[in-house]
Amino acid sequence: MDTNVRPEILTHLRRDKKLAVLIDNCPIAIHKEPIRVFDDLIRSIVSQQLSTTAAATIYGRFVQSLDSGKPIPPQIFAKSVEELRSYGLSYQKAGYIHNVAHHFSDNNLHDTDWHRRTDDEIIEELTKIKGVGKWTVEMILMFSLYREDVLPLDDLIIRNNMIALYGVTSVKKVLIAELTDIAENWRPYRTIACRYLWAAKDSNYLIGASTM
């Protein structure tokens, strides 16, 4: 039972009968934590293409090396790429972490009230950083800033589960347009709908066979 998803959201999303099946079979839990955009960007870079366990180990080593016990730009500046690599980071990821720290420092983003910026403004701002792509920022919007109407169609789990759930057969640009159109019915709660699509994968729920 989804006790922490607001009833009005569930009522709205259940209007989509196919999505309603996921809501009934793939429960989700939404846990809100303090907003830490900088920290979460760093963690996201560390985690790229790694298992959850490996990413946690490397991130733990990195954070333990900081006097503050958490990522802040000045302490990251003080570490060379070679030192960052000694914690298990690749040369490329070490450079990306420096890029994030410099961008936040140069643009005073630590003092930003992110709630005053639109999703598009945040995507535009953070994708200026080399090593930070649109998908990464969409994850920040969804899981760090708790924006409720994000549709990350670059996410393969979301895309593939939508294809299976709705029997979509188109490809490339037509596919993206069709998936975007399907998700219009979920507004203004596309983030929550996507959480159910992820939950279907996590719970091994067989979408194609169970929603016909």
N, C-alpha and C. Protein backbone atom coordinates (compact mmCIF):
# COMPACT_ATOMS: atom_id res chain seq x y z
N MET A 1 0.85 -1.20 0.00
CA MET A 1 0.00 0.00 0.00
C MET A 1 0.88 1.24 0.00
N ASP A 2 0.61 2.21 -0.89
CA ASP A 2 1.44 3.40 -1.01
C ASP A 2 0.94 4.49 -0.06
N THR A 3 1.33 4.38 1.18
CA THR A 3 0.81 5.31 2.18
C THR A 3 1.41 6.70 2.08
N ASN A 4 2.58 6.83 1.42
CA ASN A 4 3.19 8.15 1.37
C ASN A 4 3.10 8.81 -0.01
N VAL A 5 2.29 8.26 -0.89
CA VAL A 5 1.95 8.94 -2.14
C VAL A 5 0.59 9.58 -1.94
N ARG A 6 0.52 10.88 -2.17
CA ARG A 6 -0.71 11.60 -1.86
C ARG A 6 -1.91 11.03 -2.62
N PRO A 7 -3.06 10.91 -1.97
CA PRO A 7 -4.24 10.31 -2.61
C PRO A 7 -4.63 10.98 -3.92
N GLU A 8 -4.50 12.31 -3.99
CA GLU A 8 -4.89 12.99 -5.24
C GLU A 8 -3.98 12.62 -6.40
N ILE A 9 -2.72 12.28 -6.09
CA ILE A 9 -1.81 11.83 -7.15
C ILE A 9 -2.23 10.46 -7.65
N LEU A 10 -2.51 9.55 -6.73
CA LEU A 10 -2.94 8.21 -7.12
C LEU A 10 -4.23 8.24 -7.92
N THR A 11 -5.17 9.07 -7.50
CA THR A 11 -6.44 9.19 -8.22
C THR A 11 -6.21 9.66 -9.64
N HIS A 12 -5.34 10.65 -9.79
CA HIS A 12 -5.05 11.19 -11.12
C HIS A 12 -4.37 10.13 -12.00
N LEU A 13 -3.34 9.46 -11.48
CA LEU A 13 -2.59 8.51 -12.29
C LEU A 13 -3.40 7.26 -12.61
N ARG A 14 -4.32 6.89 -11.75
CA ARG A 14 -5.14 5.70 -12.00
C ARG A 14 -6.10 5.88 -13.17
N ARG A 15 -6.27 7.09 -13.63
CA ARG A 15 -7.10 7.30 -14.83
C ARG A 15 -6.50 6.60 -16.04
N ASP A 16 -5.19 6.43 -16.01
CA ASP A 16 -4.50 5.63 -17.03
C ASP A 16 -4.59 4.17 -16.57
N LYS A 17 -5.45 3.39 -17.22
CA LYS A 17 -5.75 2.04 -16.75
C LYS A 17 -4.53 1.13 -16.77
N LYS A 18 -3.65 1.32 -17.74
CA LYS A 18 -2.45 0.49 -17.80
C LYS A 18 -1.50 0.84 -16.65
N LEU A 19 -1.36 2.13 -16.38
CA LEU A 19 -0.51 2.54 -15.27
C LEU A 19 -1.11 2.10 -13.94
N ALA A 20 -2.43 2.08 -13.86
CA ALA A 20 -3.11 1.66 -12.63
C ALA A 20 -2.71 0.25 -12.22
N VAL A 21 -2.46 -0.61 -13.21
CA VAL A 21 -2.03 -1.98 -12.91
C VAL A 21 -0.68 -1.96 -12.19
N LEU A 22 0.23 -1.08 -12.63
CA LEU A 22 1.52 -0.97 -11.95
C LEU A 22 1.35 -0.42 -10.54
N ILE A 23 0.48 0.55 -10.39
CA ILE A 23 0.23 1.13 -9.07
C ILE A 23 -0.24 0.05 -8.09
N ASP A 24 -1.06 -0.87 -8.59
CA ASP A 24 -1.60 -1.93 -7.74
C ASP A 24 -0.58 -3.02 -7.43
N ASN A 25 0.40 -3.20 -8.32
CA ASN A 25 1.30 -4.35 -8.19
C ASN A 25 2.75 -4.00 -7.86
N CYS A 26 3.12 -2.74 -7.98
CA CYS A 26 4.52 -2.34 -7.79
C CYS A 26 4.61 -1.15 -6.85
N PRO A 27 4.43 -1.36 -5.56
CA PRO A 27 4.41 -0.24 -4.61
C PRO A 27 5.72 0.52 -4.57
N ILE A 28 5.63 1.80 -4.29
CA ILE A 28 6.82 2.65 -4.17
C ILE A 28 6.80 3.35 -2.82
N ALA A 29 7.96 3.82 -2.42
CA ALA A 29 8.09 4.62 -1.19
C ALA A 29 8.91 5.86 -1.53
N ILE A 30 8.41 7.01 -1.18
CA ILE A 30 9.09 8.27 -1.47
C ILE A 30 9.60 8.85 -0.16
N HIS A 31 10.92 8.91 -0.03
CA HIS A 31 11.54 9.43 1.18
C HIS A 31 12.22 10.75 0.86
N LYS A 32 11.81 11.79 1.51
CA LYS A 32 12.40 13.11 1.27
C LYS A 32 13.50 13.38 2.29
N GLU A 33 14.64 13.85 1.77
CA GLU A 33 15.77 14.20 2.61
C GLU A 33 16.15 15.65 2.34
N PRO A 34 17.02 16.23 3.18
CA PRO A 34 17.44 17.62 2.94
C PRO A 34 18.04 17.78 1.54
N ILE A 35 17.80 18.93 0.94
CA ILE A 35 18.26 19.20 -0.42
C ILE A 35 19.77 19.44 -0.42
N ARG A 36 20.49 18.62 -1.21
CA ARG A 36 21.95 18.74 -1.31
C ARG A 36 22.33 18.54 -2.78
N VAL A 37 22.07 19.53 -3.59
CA VAL A 37 22.29 19.39 -5.03
C VAL A 37 23.75 19.14 -5.34
N PHE A 38 24.65 19.91 -4.73
CA PHE A 38 26.08 19.74 -5.00
C PHE A 38 26.54 18.33 -4.62
N ASP A 39 26.21 17.90 -3.42
CA ASP A 39 26.61 16.57 -2.96
C ASP A 39 26.08 15.49 -3.89
N ASP A 40 24.82 15.64 -4.29
CA ASP A 40 24.19 14.61 -5.12
C ASP A 40 24.77 14.57 -6.52
N LEU A 41 25.20 15.72 -7.04
CA LEU A 41 25.89 15.74 -8.33
C LEU A 41 27.21 14.98 -8.24
N ILE A 42 27.97 15.25 -7.18
CA ILE A 42 29.24 14.55 -6.99
C ILE A 42 29.01 13.05 -6.87
N ARG A 43 28.04 12.67 -6.06
CA ARG A 43 27.74 11.25 -5.88
C ARG A 43 27.32 10.61 -7.20
N SER A 44 26.54 11.34 -8.00
CA SER A 44 26.08 10.82 -9.29
C SER A 44 27.26 10.55 -10.22
N ILE A 45 28.22 11.46 -10.25
CA ILE A 45 29.40 11.27 -11.09
C ILE A 45 30.20 10.05 -10.62
N VAL A 46 30.39 9.93 -9.32
CA VAL A 46 31.11 8.78 -8.78
C VAL A 46 30.42 7.48 -9.17
N SER A 47 29.09 7.47 -9.18
CA SER A 47 28.31 6.24 -9.37
C SER A 47 28.19 5.80 -10.82
N GLN A 48 28.53 6.66 -11.77
CA GLN A 48 28.32 6.34 -13.18
C GLN A 48 29.01 5.03 -13.56
N GLN A 49 28.23 4.11 -14.13
CA GLN A 49 28.72 2.83 -14.66
C GLN A 49 29.37 1.95 -13.60
N LEU A 50 28.95 2.11 -12.34
CA LEU A 50 29.46 1.27 -11.27
C LEU A 50 28.30 0.58 -10.56
N SER A 51 28.58 -0.54 -9.93
CA SER A 51 27.57 -1.18 -9.09
C SER A 51 27.33 -0.30 -7.87
N THR A 52 26.19 -0.49 -7.23
CA THR A 52 25.87 0.29 -6.04
C THR A 52 26.93 0.12 -4.96
N THR A 53 27.41 -1.12 -4.78
CA THR A 53 28.41 -1.39 -3.75
C THR A 53 29.73 -0.70 -4.05
N ALA A 54 30.20 -0.82 -5.30
CA ALA A 54 31.47 -0.20 -5.68
C ALA A 54 31.39 1.32 -5.56
N ALA A 55 30.27 1.89 -6.00
CA ALA A 55 30.11 3.35 -5.93
C ALA A 55 30.12 3.83 -4.49
N ALA A 56 29.44 3.09 -3.60
CA ALA A 56 29.39 3.48 -2.19
C ALA A 56 30.77 3.42 -1.55
N THR A 57 31.55 2.42 -1.92
CA THR A 57 32.91 2.27 -1.37
C THR A 57 33.79 3.43 -1.80
N ILE A 58 33.77 3.77 -3.08
CA ILE A 58 34.61 4.85 -3.60
C ILE A 58 34.16 6.19 -3.03
N TYR A 59 32.86 6.42 -3.01
CA TYR A 59 32.36 7.68 -2.47
C TYR A 59 32.71 7.80 -0.98
N GLY A 60 32.64 6.70 -0.26
CA GLY A 60 33.00 6.71 1.15
C GLY A 60 34.45 7.08 1.37
N ARG A 61 35.35 6.52 0.57
CA ARG A 61 36.77 6.87 0.68
C ARG A 61 36.98 8.36 0.41
N PHE A 62 36.31 8.84 -0.62
CA PHE A 62 36.45 10.25 -1.01
C PHE A 62 35.98 11.17 0.12
N VAL A 63 34.80 10.92 0.65
CA VAL A 63 34.23 11.78 1.69
C VAL A 63 35.07 11.72 2.97
N GLN A 64 35.57 10.54 3.31
CA GLN A 64 36.39 10.41 4.51
C GLN A 64 37.69 11.20 4.41
N SER A 65 38.12 11.48 3.20
CA SER A 65 39.36 12.24 3.01
C SER A 65 39.16 13.74 3.19
N LEU A 66 37.91 14.18 3.30
CA LEU A 66 37.60 15.61 3.41
C LEU A 66 37.45 16.00 4.87
N ASP A 67 38.06 17.10 5.25
CA ASP A 67 37.98 17.56 6.65
C ASP A 67 36.55 17.83 7.08
N SER A 68 35.74 18.30 6.13
CA SER A 68 34.34 18.65 6.44
C SER A 68 33.44 17.42 6.55
N GLY A 69 33.93 16.28 6.03
CA GLY A 69 33.11 15.08 6.03
C GLY A 69 32.04 15.09 4.96
N LYS A 70 32.04 16.10 4.11
CA LYS A 70 31.11 16.18 2.99
C LYS A 70 31.75 17.02 1.89
N PRO A 71 31.31 16.85 0.64
CA PRO A 71 31.93 17.59 -0.46
C PRO A 71 31.65 19.09 -0.39
N ILE A 72 32.70 19.90 -0.38
CA ILE A 72 32.58 21.34 -0.54
C ILE A 72 33.69 21.79 -1.47
N PRO A 73 33.42 22.78 -2.34
CA PRO A 73 34.38 23.13 -3.39
C PRO A 73 35.81 23.38 -2.92
N PRO A 74 36.08 24.20 -1.88
CA PRO A 74 37.48 24.48 -1.53
C PRO A 74 38.29 23.22 -1.23
N GLN A 75 37.69 22.26 -0.55
CA GLN A 75 38.42 21.05 -0.22
C GLN A 75 38.63 20.16 -1.45
N ILE A 76 37.71 20.25 -2.40
CA ILE A 76 37.89 19.51 -3.65
C ILE A 76 38.99 20.16 -4.48
N PHE A 77 39.02 21.51 -4.52
CA PHE A 77 40.08 22.20 -5.25
C PHE A 77 41.46 21.78 -4.75
N ALA A 78 41.55 21.52 -3.44
CA ALA A 78 42.85 21.23 -2.82
C ALA A 78 43.38 19.85 -3.21
N LYS A 79 42.54 19.05 -3.82
CA LYS A 79 42.95 17.70 -4.19
C LYS A 79 43.26 17.62 -5.69
N SER A 80 44.40 17.09 -6.00
CA SER A 80 44.77 16.92 -7.40
C SER A 80 43.97 15.78 -8.01
N VAL A 81 43.96 15.74 -9.33
CA VAL A 81 43.30 14.64 -10.03
C VAL A 81 43.92 13.31 -9.60
N GLU A 82 45.24 13.31 -9.44
CA GLU A 82 45.93 12.08 -9.04
C GLU A 82 45.48 11.61 -7.66
N GLU A 83 45.28 12.56 -6.74
CA GLU A 83 44.82 12.17 -5.41
C GLU A 83 43.39 11.63 -5.47
N LEU A 84 42.54 12.27 -6.26
CA LEU A 84 41.17 11.78 -6.41
C LEU A 84 41.17 10.37 -7.01
N ARG A 85 42.07 10.13 -7.91
CA ARG A 85 42.15 8.80 -8.53
C ARG A 85 42.55 7.74 -7.52
N SER A 86 43.30 8.14 -6.50
CA SER A 86 43.75 7.17 -5.49
C SER A 86 42.59 6.59 -4.69
N TYR A 87 41.43 7.23 -4.74
CA TYR A 87 40.25 6.72 -4.03
C TYR A 87 39.47 5.73 -4.88
N GLY A 88 39.89 5.56 -6.14
CA GLY A 88 39.22 4.63 -7.03
C GLY A 88 38.50 5.28 -8.18
N LEU A 89 38.60 6.61 -8.29
CA LEU A 89 37.96 7.33 -9.39
C LEU A 89 38.80 7.24 -10.65
N SER A 90 38.13 7.22 -11.79
CA SER A 90 38.85 7.29 -13.05
C SER A 90 39.38 8.71 -13.26
N TYR A 91 40.33 8.84 -14.18
CA TYR A 91 40.87 10.17 -14.50
C TYR A 91 39.75 11.10 -14.95
N GLN A 92 38.85 10.57 -15.78
CA GLN A 92 37.75 11.38 -16.31
C GLN A 92 36.81 11.84 -15.20
N LYS A 93 36.44 10.92 -14.30
CA LYS A 93 35.53 11.29 -13.22
C LYS A 93 36.17 12.30 -12.27
N ALA A 94 37.45 12.16 -12.01
CA ALA A 94 38.15 13.12 -11.16
C ALA A 94 38.08 14.51 -11.77
N GLY A 95 38.25 14.58 -13.09
CA GLY A 95 38.14 15.87 -13.77
C GLY A 95 36.74 16.43 -13.70
N TYR A 96 35.74 15.57 -13.85
CA TYR A 96 34.35 16.03 -13.78
C TYR A 96 34.01 16.58 -12.39
N ILE A 97 34.53 15.93 -11.35
CA ILE A 97 34.28 16.42 -9.99
C ILE A 97 34.89 17.80 -9.80
N HIS A 98 36.09 18.01 -10.33
CA HIS A 98 36.68 19.35 -10.30
C HIS A 98 35.80 20.34 -11.05
N ASN A 99 35.26 19.91 -12.19
CA ASN A 99 34.40 20.80 -12.99
C ASN A 99 33.17 21.25 -12.19
N VAL A 100 32.54 20.31 -11.50
CA VAL A 100 31.35 20.64 -10.70
C VAL A 100 31.72 21.64 -9.60
N ALA A 101 32.82 21.38 -8.91
CA ALA A 101 33.24 22.27 -7.82
C ALA A 101 33.53 23.67 -8.33
N HIS A 102 34.23 23.77 -9.45
CA HIS A 102 34.55 25.09 -10.01
C HIS A 102 33.28 25.82 -10.46
N HIS A 103 32.35 25.11 -11.07
CA HIS A 103 31.13 25.76 -11.56
C HIS A 103 30.31 26.29 -10.39
N PHE A 104 30.17 25.51 -9.35
CA PHE A 104 29.41 25.97 -8.18
C PHE A 104 30.08 27.15 -7.51
N SER A 105 31.40 27.11 -7.42
CA SER A 105 32.12 28.21 -6.78
C SER A 105 32.08 29.47 -7.63
N ASP A 106 32.34 29.33 -8.92
CA ASP A 106 32.40 30.50 -9.82
C ASP A 106 31.05 31.18 -9.95
N ASN A 107 29.96 30.42 -9.81
CA ASN A 107 28.62 30.97 -10.02
C ASN A 107 27.81 31.10 -8.73
N ASN A 108 28.48 30.94 -7.59
CA ASN A 108 27.83 31.09 -6.27
C ASN A 108 26.57 30.24 -6.15
N LEU A 109 26.63 29.03 -6.66
CA LEU A 109 25.44 28.18 -6.67
C LEU A 109 25.12 27.59 -5.31
N HIS A 110 26.07 27.61 -4.39
CA HIS A 110 25.76 27.10 -3.05
C HIS A 110 24.71 27.96 -2.36
N ASP A 111 24.59 29.20 -2.78
CA ASP A 111 23.60 30.10 -2.18
C ASP A 111 22.29 30.14 -2.97
N THR A 112 22.20 29.29 -3.98
CA THR A 112 21.01 29.29 -4.84
C THR A 112 19.79 28.72 -4.12
N ASP A 113 18.68 29.40 -4.27
CA ASP A 113 17.39 28.84 -3.84
C ASP A 113 16.82 28.09 -5.04
N TRP A 114 17.07 26.80 -5.10
CA TRP A 114 16.69 26.01 -6.26
C TRP A 114 15.18 26.00 -6.48
N HIS A 115 14.42 26.21 -5.42
CA HIS A 115 12.96 26.22 -5.55
C HIS A 115 12.47 27.40 -6.39
N ARG A 116 13.29 28.40 -6.54
CA ARG A 116 12.90 29.57 -7.32
C ARG A 116 13.21 29.41 -8.81
N ARG A 117 13.85 28.31 -9.16
CA ARG A 117 14.20 28.06 -10.56
C ARG A 117 13.30 26.98 -11.15
N THR A 118 12.98 27.14 -12.42
CA THR A 118 12.18 26.13 -13.11
C THR A 118 13.04 24.92 -13.44
N ASP A 119 12.39 23.83 -13.80
CA ASP A 119 13.13 22.63 -14.22
C ASP A 119 14.05 22.95 -15.39
N ASP A 120 13.54 23.65 -16.38
CA ASP A 120 14.35 23.97 -17.57
C ASP A 120 15.53 24.86 -17.21
N GLU A 121 15.35 25.78 -16.30
CA GLU A 121 16.45 26.65 -15.88
C GLU A 121 17.54 25.85 -15.18
N ILE A 122 17.14 24.90 -14.37
CA ILE A 122 18.12 24.07 -13.66
C ILE A 122 18.86 23.17 -14.64
N ILE A 123 18.14 22.59 -15.59
CA ILE A 123 18.79 21.76 -16.61
C ILE A 123 19.79 22.59 -17.40
N GLU A 124 19.39 23.79 -17.80
CA GLU A 124 20.28 24.66 -18.57
C GLU A 124 21.53 25.02 -17.76
N GLU A 125 21.35 25.32 -16.48
CA GLU A 125 22.48 25.72 -15.63
C GLU A 125 23.46 24.58 -15.40
N LEU A 126 22.96 23.43 -15.01
CA LEU A 126 23.85 22.35 -14.60
C LEU A 126 24.46 21.59 -15.76
N THR A 127 23.81 21.58 -16.92
CA THR A 127 24.41 20.90 -18.07
C THR A 127 25.50 21.75 -18.73
N LYS A 128 25.73 22.94 -18.21
CA LYS A 128 26.90 23.72 -18.64
C LYS A 128 28.19 23.07 -18.14
N ILE A 129 28.07 22.25 -17.12
CA ILE A 129 29.24 21.61 -16.51
C ILE A 129 29.65 20.40 -17.34
N LYS A 130 30.90 20.37 -17.78
CA LYS A 130 31.39 19.23 -18.54
C LYS A 130 31.34 17.98 -17.67
N GLY A 131 30.67 16.95 -18.15
CA GLY A 131 30.53 15.72 -17.39
C GLY A 131 29.16 15.55 -16.77
N VAL A 132 28.32 16.59 -16.88
CA VAL A 132 26.95 16.52 -16.34
C VAL A 132 25.97 16.62 -17.50
N GLY A 133 25.25 15.55 -17.76
CA GLY A 133 24.30 15.53 -18.86
C GLY A 133 22.87 15.74 -18.40
N LYS A 134 21.97 15.78 -19.37
CA LYS A 134 20.56 16.04 -19.06
C LYS A 134 19.98 14.98 -18.14
N TRP A 135 20.30 13.70 -18.39
CA TRP A 135 19.74 12.64 -17.55
C TRP A 135 20.15 12.82 -16.11
N THR A 136 21.42 13.16 -15.88
CA THR A 136 21.91 13.37 -14.51
C THR A 136 21.12 14.47 -13.82
N VAL A 137 20.87 15.57 -14.53
CA VAL A 137 20.13 16.68 -13.93
C VAL A 137 18.67 16.29 -13.69
N GLU A 138 18.10 15.51 -14.60
CA GLU A 138 16.73 15.03 -14.38
C GLU A 138 16.64 14.20 -13.10
N MET A 139 17.66 13.40 -12.83
CA MET A 139 17.67 12.62 -11.58
C MET A 139 17.77 13.55 -10.37
N ILE A 140 18.54 14.62 -10.50
CA ILE A 140 18.63 15.62 -9.42
C ILE A 140 17.26 16.25 -9.20
N LEU A 141 16.58 16.59 -10.29
CA LEU A 141 15.25 17.19 -10.17
C LEU A 141 14.28 16.25 -9.47
N MET A 142 14.36 14.97 -9.81
CA MET A 142 13.40 14.01 -9.28
C MET A 142 13.70 13.60 -7.84
N PHE A 143 14.98 13.34 -7.56
CA PHE A 143 15.33 12.71 -6.28
C PHE A 143 15.97 13.66 -5.28
N SER A 144 16.49 14.78 -5.73
CA SER A 144 17.09 15.75 -4.81
C SER A 144 16.16 16.93 -4.55
N LEU A 145 15.48 17.38 -5.61
CA LEU A 145 14.60 18.54 -5.49
C LEU A 145 13.13 18.16 -5.44
N TYR A 146 12.82 16.89 -5.64
CA TYR A 146 11.45 16.36 -5.50
C TYR A 146 10.46 17.05 -6.43
N ARG A 147 10.93 17.36 -7.63
CA ARG A 147 10.02 17.90 -8.63
C ARG A 147 9.10 16.77 -9.10
N GLU A 148 7.83 17.05 -9.23
CA GLU A 148 6.85 15.99 -9.46
C GLU A 148 6.50 15.75 -10.92
N ASP A 149 7.04 16.56 -11.84
CA ASP A 149 6.59 16.43 -13.23
C ASP A 149 7.76 16.34 -14.20
N VAL A 150 8.68 15.41 -13.94
CA VAL A 150 9.85 15.20 -14.79
C VAL A 150 9.66 13.90 -15.56
N LEU A 151 10.02 13.92 -16.84
CA LEU A 151 9.90 12.73 -17.70
C LEU A 151 11.27 12.43 -18.33
N PRO A 152 12.06 11.53 -17.74
CA PRO A 152 13.42 11.26 -18.24
C PRO A 152 13.44 10.16 -19.30
N LEU A 153 13.09 10.52 -20.52
CA LEU A 153 13.00 9.51 -21.57
C LEU A 153 14.35 9.01 -22.05
N ASP A 154 15.44 9.62 -21.58
CA ASP A 154 16.77 9.07 -21.87
C ASP A 154 17.08 7.88 -20.97
N ASP A 155 16.25 7.66 -19.97
CA ASP A 155 16.44 6.53 -19.07
C ASP A 155 15.89 5.27 -19.73
N LEU A 156 16.75 4.27 -19.92
CA LEU A 156 16.35 3.09 -20.68
C LEU A 156 15.27 2.27 -19.98
N ILE A 157 15.28 2.25 -18.65
CA ILE A 157 14.24 1.50 -17.95
C ILE A 157 12.88 2.14 -18.16
N ILE A 158 12.83 3.46 -18.04
CA ILE A 158 11.57 4.17 -18.28
C ILE A 158 11.10 3.94 -19.71
N ARG A 159 12.01 4.13 -20.65
CA ARG A 159 11.64 4.00 -22.06
C ARG A 159 11.16 2.58 -22.37
N ASN A 160 11.95 1.59 -21.98
CA ASN A 160 11.61 0.21 -22.32
C ASN A 160 10.33 -0.26 -21.63
N ASN A 161 10.11 0.17 -20.39
CA ASN A 161 8.89 -0.25 -19.71
C ASN A 161 7.66 0.45 -20.27
N MET A 162 7.81 1.68 -20.74
CA MET A 162 6.69 2.34 -21.42
C MET A 162 6.38 1.63 -22.73
N ILE A 163 7.41 1.24 -23.46
CA ILE A 163 7.21 0.51 -24.72
C ILE A 163 6.44 -0.78 -24.46
N ALA A 164 6.86 -1.51 -23.42
CA ALA A 164 6.19 -2.78 -23.09
C ALA A 164 4.78 -2.56 -22.59
N LEU A 165 4.59 -1.56 -21.74
CA LEU A 165 3.29 -1.33 -21.12
C LEU A 165 2.24 -0.90 -22.14
N TYR A 166 2.65 -0.07 -23.10
CA TYR A 166 1.69 0.50 -24.05
C TYR A 166 1.79 -0.10 -25.45
N GLY A 167 2.65 -1.10 -25.62
CA GLY A 167 2.76 -1.77 -26.90
C GLY A 167 3.22 -0.86 -28.03
N VAL A 168 4.14 0.03 -27.73
CA VAL A 168 4.62 0.99 -28.73
C VAL A 168 5.60 0.28 -29.67
N THR A 169 5.45 0.51 -30.97
CA THR A 169 6.31 -0.15 -31.96
C THR A 169 7.14 0.83 -32.78
N SER A 170 6.95 2.11 -32.60
CA SER A 170 7.70 3.10 -33.37
C SER A 170 9.15 3.18 -32.87
N VAL A 171 9.99 3.89 -33.61
CA VAL A 171 11.41 3.99 -33.26
C VAL A 171 11.88 5.44 -33.38
N LYS A 172 13.03 5.69 -32.81
CA LYS A 172 13.75 6.96 -32.91
C LYS A 172 12.88 8.15 -32.52
N LYS A 173 12.85 9.20 -33.35
CA LYS A 173 12.14 10.42 -32.99
C LYS A 173 10.64 10.19 -32.84
N VAL A 174 10.10 9.32 -33.66
CA VAL A 174 8.66 9.03 -33.57
C VAL A 174 8.36 8.34 -32.24
N LEU A 175 9.26 7.46 -31.81
CA LEU A 175 9.10 6.78 -30.53
C LEU A 175 9.05 7.79 -29.39
N ILE A 176 10.02 8.70 -29.36
CA ILE A 176 10.08 9.70 -28.29
C ILE A 176 8.82 10.56 -28.28
N ALA A 177 8.36 10.94 -29.47
CA ALA A 177 7.15 11.75 -29.57
C ALA A 177 5.94 10.99 -29.03
N GLU A 178 5.86 9.70 -29.35
CA GLU A 178 4.72 8.90 -28.91
C GLU A 178 4.74 8.69 -27.40
N LEU A 179 5.92 8.42 -26.84
CA LEU A 179 6.03 8.24 -25.40
C LEU A 179 5.72 9.54 -24.66
N THR A 180 6.18 10.65 -25.22
CA THR A 180 5.89 11.96 -24.62
C THR A 180 4.39 12.21 -24.61
N ASP A 181 3.73 11.83 -25.70
CA ASP A 181 2.28 12.03 -25.79
C ASP A 181 1.54 11.16 -24.78
N ILE A 182 1.98 9.92 -24.62
CA ILE A 182 1.36 9.03 -23.63
C ILE A 182 1.47 9.63 -22.24
N ALA A 183 2.64 10.17 -21.93
CA ALA A 183 2.91 10.71 -20.60
C ALA A 183 2.18 12.02 -20.32
N GLU A 184 1.64 12.64 -21.35
CA GLU A 184 0.86 13.87 -21.12
C GLU A 184 -0.30 13.60 -20.17
N ASN A 185 -0.83 12.39 -20.23
CA ASN A 185 -1.95 12.04 -19.34
C ASN A 185 -1.55 12.01 -17.87
N TRP A 186 -0.24 11.93 -17.61
CA TRP A 186 0.24 11.85 -16.23
C TRP A 186 0.48 13.22 -15.61
N ARG A 187 0.58 14.25 -16.44
CA ARG A 187 0.85 15.58 -15.89
C ARG A 187 -0.18 15.94 -14.83
N PRO A 188 0.21 16.62 -13.78
CA PRO A 188 1.53 17.16 -13.44
C PRO A 188 2.34 16.24 -12.52
N TYR A 189 2.17 14.91 -12.69
CA TYR A 189 2.83 13.97 -11.79
C TYR A 189 3.64 12.92 -12.56
N ARG A 190 4.32 13.35 -13.62
CA ARG A 190 5.06 12.39 -14.44
C ARG A 190 6.20 11.73 -13.65
N THR A 191 6.80 12.46 -12.73
CA THR A 191 7.84 11.86 -11.89
C THR A 191 7.31 10.64 -11.14
N ILE A 192 6.14 10.77 -10.56
CA ILE A 192 5.57 9.68 -9.76
C ILE A 192 5.25 8.48 -10.66
N ALA A 193 4.72 8.75 -11.85
CA ALA A 193 4.46 7.66 -12.79
C ALA A 193 5.75 6.93 -13.13
N CYS A 194 6.82 7.68 -13.32
CA CYS A 194 8.11 7.06 -13.64
C CYS A 194 8.62 6.23 -12.47
N ARG A 195 8.32 6.64 -11.26
CA ARG A 195 8.73 5.84 -10.10
C ARG A 195 8.08 4.45 -10.15
N TYR A 196 6.83 4.40 -10.63
CA TYR A 196 6.17 3.10 -10.76
C TYR A 196 6.79 2.27 -11.88
N LEU A 197 7.22 2.92 -12.95
CA LEU A 197 7.89 2.20 -14.03
C LEU A 197 9.21 1.62 -13.56
N TRP A 198 9.95 2.36 -12.76
CA TRP A 198 11.18 1.82 -12.17
C TRP A 198 10.87 0.69 -11.20
N ALA A 199 9.80 0.86 -10.42
CA ALA A 199 9.43 -0.17 -9.44
C ALA A 199 9.09 -1.49 -10.12
N ALA A 200 8.51 -1.41 -11.32
CA ALA A 200 8.20 -2.64 -12.06
C ALA A 200 9.47 -3.41 -12.37
N LYS A 201 10.53 -2.69 -12.72
CA LYS A 201 11.82 -3.34 -12.98
C LYS A 201 12.40 -3.91 -11.69
N ASP A 202 12.37 -3.12 -10.61
CA ASP A 202 12.96 -3.55 -9.35
C ASP A 202 12.25 -4.77 -8.76
N SER A 203 10.94 -4.87 -9.01
CA SER A 203 10.16 -5.98 -8.46
C SER A 203 10.02 -7.14 -9.44
N ASN A 204 10.68 -7.01 -10.62
CA ASN A 204 10.60 -8.04 -11.66
C ASN A 204 9.17 -8.30 -12.11
N TYR A 205 8.36 -7.26 -12.06
CA TYR A 205 6.98 -7.38 -12.50
C TYR A 205 6.96 -7.47 -14.02
N LEU A 206 6.29 -8.47 -14.56
CA LEU A 206 6.29 -8.72 -16.00
C LEU A 206 5.22 -7.85 -16.67
N ILE A 207 5.65 -6.69 -17.15
CA ILE A 207 4.70 -5.72 -17.69
C ILE A 207 3.94 -6.28 -18.88
N GLY A 208 4.65 -6.78 -19.87
CA GLY A 208 4.01 -7.20 -21.11
C GLY A 208 2.94 -8.25 -20.92
N ALA A 209 3.18 -9.19 -20.01
CA ALA A 209 2.24 -10.29 -19.81
C ALA A 209 1.11 -9.95 -18.85
N SER A 210 1.28 -8.88 -18.08
CA SER A 210 0.34 -8.63 -16.99
C SER A 210 -0.59 -7.46 -17.21
N THR A 211 -0.44 -6.75 -18.32
CA THR A 211 -1.25 -5.55 -18.53
C THR A 211 -2.02 -5.59 -19.84
N MET A 212 -2.16 -6.77 -20.41
CA MET A 212 -2.90 -6.88 -21.66
C MET A 212 -4.39 -6.71 -21.40
